[in-house]
Amino acid sequence: MAASKSSRQWLRRHVSDPYVRQAKAQGYRSRAAYKLLELDAKDRLLHPGAKVVDLGAAPGGWAQVAARKVGRCGRVVALDLLEIAPIPGVSVRRGDVRDAAALELVQGVLDGDADLVLSDLSPNLSGIADVDQARAAELVLLAMRFALKVLKPSGVFVVKVFQGAAFSAVLAAAKGAFLSVTMRKPGASRGESRETYLIARAPQGGQARASRKLVD
């Protein structure tokens, strides 16, 4: 009975969510599109002709935003474990960010250095806080390692992180690898969510290599 009540509450909240309604009206696949739109408005992440990688892309809201912003001269590559229906202007690949072969495939499709790497990755939640935080941190560090490998010297890494026991270590790794790191909490993030986003700019040579060792 408790689970059923919880499901009903979630459904009511989802249906009444203004971002959900807006996403349907504007043709976005998820309300998460508005998180990236807000981050882009504040931090100027996307521009025509940019090369973008979207990790943890399903169902495709962020990739849609990126494709519309970079235009025909840009390139967007989206990766997820789940199947993603085709998106105009996006090269969709199915695979696991923990699989080196999947990341090599993405890098091959990218065909050059990236201007922006996006990561909205989340682990399958167990309900055990320490376990879930550790899994989320692992995904952040894996995405960071990939970003350090493919980004231009002026490139930007945007990653979802969760407040908790592992947060300080993740933040320290980002600050050790990038010239500047800014924290953002988009308005489209639900108030009760512990998620926040790091905007990390300009991978830093030797420091970046040190951070890669951290996650190897």
C-alpha atoms as a PDB file:
ATOM      1  CA  MET A   1       0.000   0.000   0.000  1.00  0.00           C
ATOM      2  CA  ALA A   2       2.832   2.422   0.845  1.00  0.00           C
ATOM      3  CA  ALA A   3       4.504   1.873  -2.538  1.00  0.00           C
ATOM      4  CA  SER A   4       1.226   2.400  -4.349  1.00  0.00           C
ATOM      5  CA  LYS A   5       0.618   5.652  -2.469  1.00  0.00           C
ATOM      6  CA  SER A   6       4.130   6.818  -3.295  1.00  0.00           C
ATOM      7  CA  SER A   7       3.575   6.013  -6.966  1.00  0.00           C
ATOM      8  CA  ARG A   8       0.346   7.996  -7.005  1.00  0.00           C
ATOM      9  CA  GLN A   9       2.059  10.969  -5.392  1.00  0.00           C
ATOM     10  CA  TRP A  10       4.870  10.838  -7.957  1.00  0.00           C
ATOM     11  CA  LEU A  11       2.380  10.664 -10.819  1.00  0.00           C
ATOM     12  CA  ARG A  12       0.404  13.657  -9.516  1.00  0.00           C
ATOM     13  CA  ARG A  13       3.600  15.679  -9.127  1.00  0.00           C
ATOM     14  CA  HIS A  14       4.807  14.650 -12.582  1.00  0.00           C
ATOM     15  CA  VAL A  15       1.542  15.530 -14.322  1.00  0.00           C
ATOM     16  CA  SER A  16       1.338  18.915 -12.588  1.00  0.00           C
ATOM     17  CA  ASP A  17       5.016  19.762 -13.144  1.00  0.00           C
ATOM     18  CA  PRO A  18       5.216  22.911 -15.307  1.00  0.00           C
ATOM     19  CA  TYR A  19       8.484  21.737 -16.868  1.00  0.00           C
ATOM     20  CA  VAL A  20       6.864  18.468 -17.928  1.00  0.00           C
ATOM     21  CA  ARG A  21       3.996  20.344 -19.568  1.00  0.00           C
ATOM     22  CA  GLN A  22       6.400  22.782 -21.219  1.00  0.00           C
ATOM     23  CA  ALA A  23       8.583  19.945 -22.532  1.00  0.00           C
ATOM     24  CA  LYS A  24       5.562  18.320 -24.183  1.00  0.00           C
ATOM     25  CA  ALA A  25       4.479  21.626 -25.704  1.00  0.00           C
ATOM     26  CA  GLN A  26       7.930  22.403 -27.104  1.00  0.00           C
ATOM     27  CA  GLY A  27       8.760  18.904 -28.297  1.00  0.00           C
ATOM     28  CA  TYR A  28      11.478  18.011 -25.798  1.00  0.00           C
ATOM     29  CA  ARG A  29      11.724  14.415 -24.651  1.00  0.00           C
ATOM     30  CA  SER A  30      12.190  15.261 -20.983  1.00  0.00           C
ATOM     31  CA  ARG A  31      11.963  18.111 -18.502  1.00  0.00           C
ATOM     32  CA  ALA A  32      15.748  17.802 -18.116  1.00  0.00           C
ATOM     33  CA  ALA A  33      16.092  19.826 -21.322  1.00  0.00           C
ATOM     34  CA  TYR A  34      15.366  22.950 -19.284  1.00  0.00           C
ATOM     35  CA  LYS A  35      18.270  22.257 -16.949  1.00  0.00           C
ATOM     36  CA  LEU A  36      20.676  22.437 -19.875  1.00  0.00           C
ATOM     37  CA  LEU A  37      18.884  25.439 -21.387  1.00  0.00           C
ATOM     38  CA  GLU A  38      19.308  27.310 -18.094  1.00  0.00           C
ATOM     39  CA  LEU A  39      22.945  26.280 -17.707  1.00  0.00           C
ATOM     40  CA  ASP A  40      23.631  27.361 -21.277  1.00  0.00           C
ATOM     41  CA  ALA A  41      21.939  30.735 -20.758  1.00  0.00           C
ATOM     42  CA  LYS A  42      24.138  31.420 -17.712  1.00  0.00           C
ATOM     43  CA  ASP A  43      27.402  29.866 -18.845  1.00  0.00           C
ATOM     44  CA  ARG A  44      27.335  30.035 -22.673  1.00  0.00           C
ATOM     45  CA  LEU A  45      28.110  26.379 -23.169  1.00  0.00           C
ATOM     46  CA  LEU A  46      26.752  25.784 -26.675  1.00  0.00           C
ATOM     47  CA  HIS A  47      27.476  27.607 -29.904  1.00  0.00           C
ATOM     48  CA  PRO A  48      27.050  26.970 -33.629  1.00  0.00           C
ATOM     49  CA  GLY A  49      29.577  24.496 -34.974  1.00  0.00           C
ATOM     50  CA  ALA A  50      30.503  23.013 -31.578  1.00  0.00           C
ATOM     51  CA  LYS A  51      31.323  19.332 -31.072  1.00  0.00           C
ATOM     52  CA  VAL A  52      29.427  17.878 -28.110  1.00  0.00           C
ATOM     53  CA  VAL A  53      29.327  14.520 -26.322  1.00  0.00           C
ATOM     54  CA  ASP A  54      26.304  13.672 -24.159  1.00  0.00           C
ATOM     55  CA  LEU A  55      26.900  10.804 -21.704  1.00  0.00           C
ATOM     56  CA  GLY A  56      23.857   9.227 -20.060  1.00  0.00           C
ATOM     57  CA  ALA A  57      21.750  10.802 -22.769  1.00  0.00           C
ATOM     58  CA  ALA A  58      18.468   8.836 -22.615  1.00  0.00           C
ATOM     59  CA  PRO A  59      15.758   9.747 -23.376  1.00  0.00           C
ATOM     60  CA  GLY A  60      17.494  12.558 -25.285  1.00  0.00           C
ATOM     61  CA  GLY A  61      16.382  15.922 -23.902  1.00  0.00           C
ATOM     62  CA  TRP A  62      19.915  17.288 -23.518  1.00  0.00           C
ATOM     63  CA  ALA A  63      20.972  15.978 -26.925  1.00  0.00           C
ATOM     64  CA  GLN A  64      17.964  17.727 -28.492  1.00  0.00           C
ATOM     65  CA  VAL A  65      18.977  21.033 -26.925  1.00  0.00           C
ATOM     66  CA  ALA A  66      22.588  20.578 -27.998  1.00  0.00           C
ATOM     67  CA  ALA A  67      21.679  19.687 -31.595  1.00  0.00           C
ATOM     68  CA  ARG A  68      19.448  22.728 -31.950  1.00  0.00           C
ATOM     69  CA  LYS A  69      22.174  25.009 -30.573  1.00  0.00           C
ATOM     70  CA  VAL A  70      25.160  23.707 -32.552  1.00  0.00           C
ATOM     71  CA  GLY A  71      23.298  23.541 -35.850  1.00  0.00           C
ATOM     72  CA  ARG A  72      24.222  21.694 -39.032  1.00  0.00           C
ATOM     73  CA  CYS A  73      27.890  22.647 -38.793  1.00  0.00           C
ATOM     74  CA  GLY A  74      28.203  21.125 -35.309  1.00  0.00           C
ATOM     75  CA  ARG A  75      28.237  17.546 -34.116  1.00  0.00           C
ATOM     76  CA  VAL A  76      26.461  15.854 -31.203  1.00  0.00           C
ATOM     77  CA  VAL A  77      27.201  12.288 -30.091  1.00  0.00           C
ATOM     78  CA  ALA A  78      24.893  10.721 -27.490  1.00  0.00           C
ATOM     79  CA  LEU A  79      25.649   7.576 -25.460  1.00  0.00           C
ATOM     80  CA  ASP A  80      23.467   5.599 -23.075  1.00  0.00           C
ATOM     81  CA  LEU A  81      22.897   2.043 -21.883  1.00  0.00           C
ATOM     82  CA  LEU A  82      19.255   2.460 -22.843  1.00  0.00           C
ATOM     83  CA  GLU A  83      18.022   2.666 -26.390  1.00  0.00           C
ATOM     84  CA  ILE A  84      17.466   6.228 -27.621  1.00  0.00           C
ATOM     85  CA  ALA A  85      15.070   6.881 -30.488  1.00  0.00           C
ATOM     86  CA  PRO A  86      16.713   8.773 -33.380  1.00  0.00           C
ATOM     87  CA  ILE A  87      17.174  12.512 -32.863  1.00  0.00           C
ATOM     88  CA  PRO A  88      17.729  14.874 -35.804  1.00  0.00           C
ATOM     89  CA  GLY A  89      21.322  16.091 -35.837  1.00  0.00           C
ATOM     90  CA  VAL A  90      22.504  13.565 -33.211  1.00  0.00           C
ATOM     91  CA  SER A  91      24.687  10.467 -33.649  1.00  0.00           C
ATOM     92  CA  VAL A  92      23.206   8.028 -31.118  1.00  0.00           C
ATOM     93  CA  ARG A  93      25.231   5.134 -29.761  1.00  0.00           C
ATOM     94  CA  ARG A  94      24.200   2.503 -27.211  1.00  0.00           C
ATOM     95  CA  GLY A  95      26.779   1.455 -24.664  1.00  0.00           C
ATOM     96  CA  ASP A  96      28.107   1.624 -21.112  1.00  0.00           C
ATOM     97  CA  VAL A  97      30.310   4.515 -20.006  1.00  0.00           C
ATOM     98  CA  ARG A  98      32.262   1.922 -17.998  1.00  0.00           C
ATOM     99  CA  ASP A  99      33.119   0.084 -21.237  1.00  0.00           C
ATOM    100  CA  ALA A 100      36.281   1.421 -22.889  1.00  0.00           C
ATOM    101  CA  ALA A 101      35.119   0.114 -26.276  1.00  0.00           C
ATOM    102  CA  ALA A 102      31.912   2.180 -26.073  1.00  0.00           C
ATOM    103  CA  LEU A 103      33.854   5.341 -25.278  1.00  0.00           C
ATOM    104  CA  GLU A 104      36.314   4.650 -28.092  1.00  0.00           C
ATOM    105  CA  LEU A 105      33.334   4.335 -30.442  1.00  0.00           C
ATOM    106  CA  VAL A 106      32.030   7.710 -29.294  1.00  0.00           C
ATOM    107  CA  GLN A 107      35.451   9.256 -29.764  1.00  0.00           C
ATOM    108  CA  GLY A 108      35.634   7.852 -33.287  1.00  0.00           C
ATOM    109  CA  VAL A 109      32.244   9.294 -34.230  1.00  0.00           C
ATOM    110  CA  LEU A 110      33.233  12.624 -32.684  1.00  0.00           C
ATOM    111  CA  ASP A 111      36.149  12.826 -35.163  1.00  0.00           C
ATOM    112  CA  GLY A 112      38.292  15.357 -33.319  1.00  0.00           C
ATOM    113  CA  ASP A 113      38.417  17.149 -30.000  1.00  0.00           C
ATOM    114  CA  ALA A 114      35.202  18.098 -28.216  1.00  0.00           C
ATOM    115  CA  ASP A 115      34.142  21.592 -27.226  1.00  0.00           C
ATOM    116  CA  LEU A 116      31.765  20.265 -24.568  1.00  0.00           C
ATOM    117  CA  VAL A 117      31.225  17.007 -22.700  1.00  0.00           C
ATOM    118  CA  LEU A 118      27.903  16.650 -20.888  1.00  0.00           C
ATOM    119  CA  SER A 119      27.221  14.006 -18.253  1.00  0.00           C
ATOM    120  CA  ASP A 120      23.799  13.541 -16.689  1.00  0.00           C
ATOM    121  CA  LEU A 121      24.678  10.006 -15.604  1.00  0.00           C
ATOM    122  CA  SER A 122      22.925   8.472 -12.604  1.00  0.00           C
ATOM    123  CA  PRO A 123      23.390   5.002 -11.078  1.00  0.00           C
ATOM    124  CA  ASN A 124      20.627   2.505 -10.474  1.00  0.00           C
ATOM    125  CA  LEU A 125      19.620   3.395  -6.937  1.00  0.00           C
ATOM    126  CA  SER A 126      19.726   0.784  -4.203  1.00  0.00           C
ATOM    127  CA  GLY A 127      18.192   2.962  -1.503  1.00  0.00           C
ATOM    128  CA  ILE A 128      21.366   2.647   0.578  1.00  0.00           C
ATOM    129  CA  ALA A 129      22.778   6.163   0.745  1.00  0.00           C
ATOM    130  CA  ASP A 130      26.484   5.319   1.034  1.00  0.00           C
ATOM    131  CA  VAL A 131      26.298   2.776  -1.781  1.00  0.00           C
ATOM    132  CA  ASP A 132      24.359   5.092  -4.089  1.00  0.00           C
ATOM    133  CA  GLN A 133      26.733   8.008  -3.439  1.00  0.00           C
ATOM    134  CA  ALA A 134      29.762   5.835  -4.165  1.00  0.00           C
ATOM    135  CA  ARG A 135      28.226   4.606  -7.425  1.00  0.00           C
ATOM    136  CA  ALA A 136      27.314   8.139  -8.481  1.00  0.00           C
ATOM    137  CA  ALA A 137      30.843   9.356  -7.704  1.00  0.00           C
ATOM    138  CA  GLU A 138      32.317   6.529  -9.761  1.00  0.00           C
ATOM    139  CA  LEU A 139      30.271   7.596 -12.781  1.00  0.00           C
ATOM    140  CA  VAL A 140      31.316  11.231 -12.340  1.00  0.00           C
ATOM    141  CA  LEU A 141      34.987  10.281 -12.272  1.00  0.00           C
ATOM    142  CA  LEU A 142      34.648   7.997 -15.287  1.00  0.00           C
ATOM    143  CA  ALA A 143      32.951  10.785 -17.237  1.00  0.00           C
ATOM    144  CA  MET A 144      35.658  13.195 -16.087  1.00  0.00           C
ATOM    145  CA  ARG A 145      38.414  10.902 -17.283  1.00  0.00           C
ATOM    146  CA  PHE A 146      36.761  10.700 -20.695  1.00  0.00           C
ATOM    147  CA  ALA A 147      36.293  14.479 -20.815  1.00  0.00           C
ATOM    148  CA  LEU A 148      39.967  15.048 -20.041  1.00  0.00           C
ATOM    149  CA  LYS A 149      40.848  12.740 -22.918  1.00  0.00           C
ATOM    150  CA  VAL A 150      38.676  14.356 -25.604  1.00  0.00           C
ATOM    151  CA  LEU A 151      38.235  18.036 -24.699  1.00  0.00           C
ATOM    152  CA  LYS A 152      39.972  20.901 -26.437  1.00  0.00           C
ATOM    153  CA  PRO A 153      42.230  23.037 -24.185  1.00  0.00           C
ATOM    154  CA  SER A 154      39.355  25.532 -24.023  1.00  0.00           C
ATOM    155  CA  GLY A 155      36.731  22.809 -23.581  1.00  0.00           C
ATOM    156  CA  VAL A 156      34.011  22.543 -20.936  1.00  0.00           C
ATOM    157  CA  PHE A 157      32.805  19.582 -18.867  1.00  0.00           C
ATOM    158  CA  VAL A 158      29.291  19.700 -17.370  1.00  0.00           C
ATOM    159  CA  VAL A 159      28.477  16.937 -14.916  1.00  0.00           C
ATOM    160  CA  LYS A 160      25.706  16.076 -12.485  1.00  0.00           C
ATOM    161  CA  VAL A 161      26.910  15.381  -8.954  1.00  0.00           C
ATOM    162  CA  PHE A 162      25.077  14.573  -5.740  1.00  0.00           C
ATOM    163  CA  GLN A 163      25.622  16.165  -2.359  1.00  0.00           C
ATOM    164  CA  GLY A 164      26.825  13.566   0.117  1.00  0.00           C
ATOM    165  CA  ALA A 165      29.852  11.814   1.528  1.00  0.00           C
ATOM    166  CA  ALA A 166      31.667  11.555  -1.817  1.00  0.00           C
ATOM    167  CA  PHE A 167      30.975  15.098  -2.953  1.00  0.00           C
ATOM    168  CA  SER A 168      34.136  16.706  -1.568  1.00  0.00           C
ATOM    169  CA  ALA A 169      36.370  14.150  -3.298  1.00  0.00           C
ATOM    170  CA  VAL A 170      34.609  14.645  -6.627  1.00  0.00           C
ATOM    171  CA  LEU A 171      34.847  18.420  -6.319  1.00  0.00           C
ATOM    172  CA  ALA A 172      38.545  18.207  -5.433  1.00  0.00           C
ATOM    173  CA  ALA A 173      39.204  16.016  -8.486  1.00  0.00           C
ATOM    174  CA  ALA A 174      37.460  18.523 -10.753  1.00  0.00           C
ATOM    175  CA  LYS A 175      39.347  21.473  -9.273  1.00  0.00           C
ATOM    176  CA  GLY A 176      42.594  19.595  -9.728  1.00  0.00           C
ATOM    177  CA  ALA A 177      41.897  18.937 -13.394  1.00  0.00           C
ATOM    178  CA  PHE A 178      40.294  22.142 -14.678  1.00  0.00           C
ATOM    179  CA  LEU A 179      41.182  25.813 -14.575  1.00  0.00           C
ATOM    180  CA  SER A 180      37.825  26.813 -13.111  1.00  0.00           C
ATOM    181  CA  VAL A 181      34.903  24.938 -11.568  1.00  0.00           C
ATOM    182  CA  THR A 182      31.495  26.480 -10.876  1.00  0.00           C
ATOM    183  CA  MET A 183      28.522  24.875  -9.111  1.00  0.00           C
ATOM    184  CA  ARG A 184      24.999  25.389 -10.444  1.00  0.00           C
ATOM    185  CA  LYS A 185      21.542  24.302  -9.285  1.00  0.00           C
ATOM    186  CA  PRO A 186      19.149  24.889 -12.203  1.00  0.00           C
ATOM    187  CA  GLY A 187      15.613  25.945 -11.450  1.00  0.00           C
ATOM    188  CA  ALA A 188      14.384  22.843 -13.271  1.00  0.00           C
ATOM    189  CA  SER A 189      16.085  20.626 -10.659  1.00  0.00           C
ATOM    190  CA  ARG A 190      13.454  19.549  -8.187  1.00  0.00           C
ATOM    191  CA  GLY A 191      13.844  21.213  -4.806  1.00  0.00           C
ATOM    192  CA  GLU A 192      14.125  17.966  -2.870  1.00  0.00           C
ATOM    193  CA  SER A 193      16.797  16.588  -5.205  1.00  0.00           C
ATOM    194  CA  ARG A 194      20.393  16.502  -3.946  1.00  0.00           C
ATOM    195  CA  GLU A 195      21.708  16.946  -7.465  1.00  0.00           C
ATOM    196  CA  THR A 196      23.806  19.876  -8.544  1.00  0.00           C
ATOM    197  CA  TYR A 197      25.953  20.501 -11.599  1.00  0.00           C
ATOM    198  CA  LEU A 198      29.619  21.326 -11.990  1.00  0.00           C
ATOM    199  CA  ILE A 199      30.716  23.525 -14.885  1.00  0.00           C
ATOM    200  CA  ALA A 200      34.425  22.736 -15.311  1.00  0.00           C
ATOM    201  CA  ARG A 201      36.424  24.735 -17.845  1.00  0.00           C
ATOM    202  CA  ALA A 202      39.806  24.255 -19.511  1.00  0.00           C
ATOM    203  CA  PRO A 203      41.537  20.949 -18.670  1.00  0.00           C
ATOM    204  CA  GLN A 204      44.924  21.675 -17.167  1.00  0.00           C
ATOM    205  CA  GLY A 205      47.851  19.697 -18.609  1.00  0.00           C
ATOM    206  CA  GLY A 206      49.771  17.940 -15.852  1.00  0.00           C
ATOM    207  CA  GLN A 207      47.000  18.437 -13.307  1.00  0.00           C
ATOM    208  CA  ALA A 208      44.579  16.774 -15.699  1.00  0.00           C
ATOM    209  CA  ARG A 209      46.906  13.815 -16.031  1.00  0.00           C
ATOM    210  CA  ALA A 210      47.056  13.560 -12.236  1.00  0.00           C
ATOM    211  CA  SER A 211      43.268  13.456 -12.052  1.00  0.00           C
ATOM    212  CA  ARG A 212      43.139  10.763 -14.706  1.00  0.00           C
ATOM    213  CA  LYS A 213      45.337   8.660 -12.429  1.00  0.00           C
ATOM    214  CA  LEU A 214      42.845   9.250  -9.626  1.00  0.00           C
ATOM    215  CA  VAL A 215      40.099   7.523 -11.562  1.00  0.00           C
ATOM    216  CA  ASP A 216      42.192   4.805 -13.211  1.00  0.00           C
END
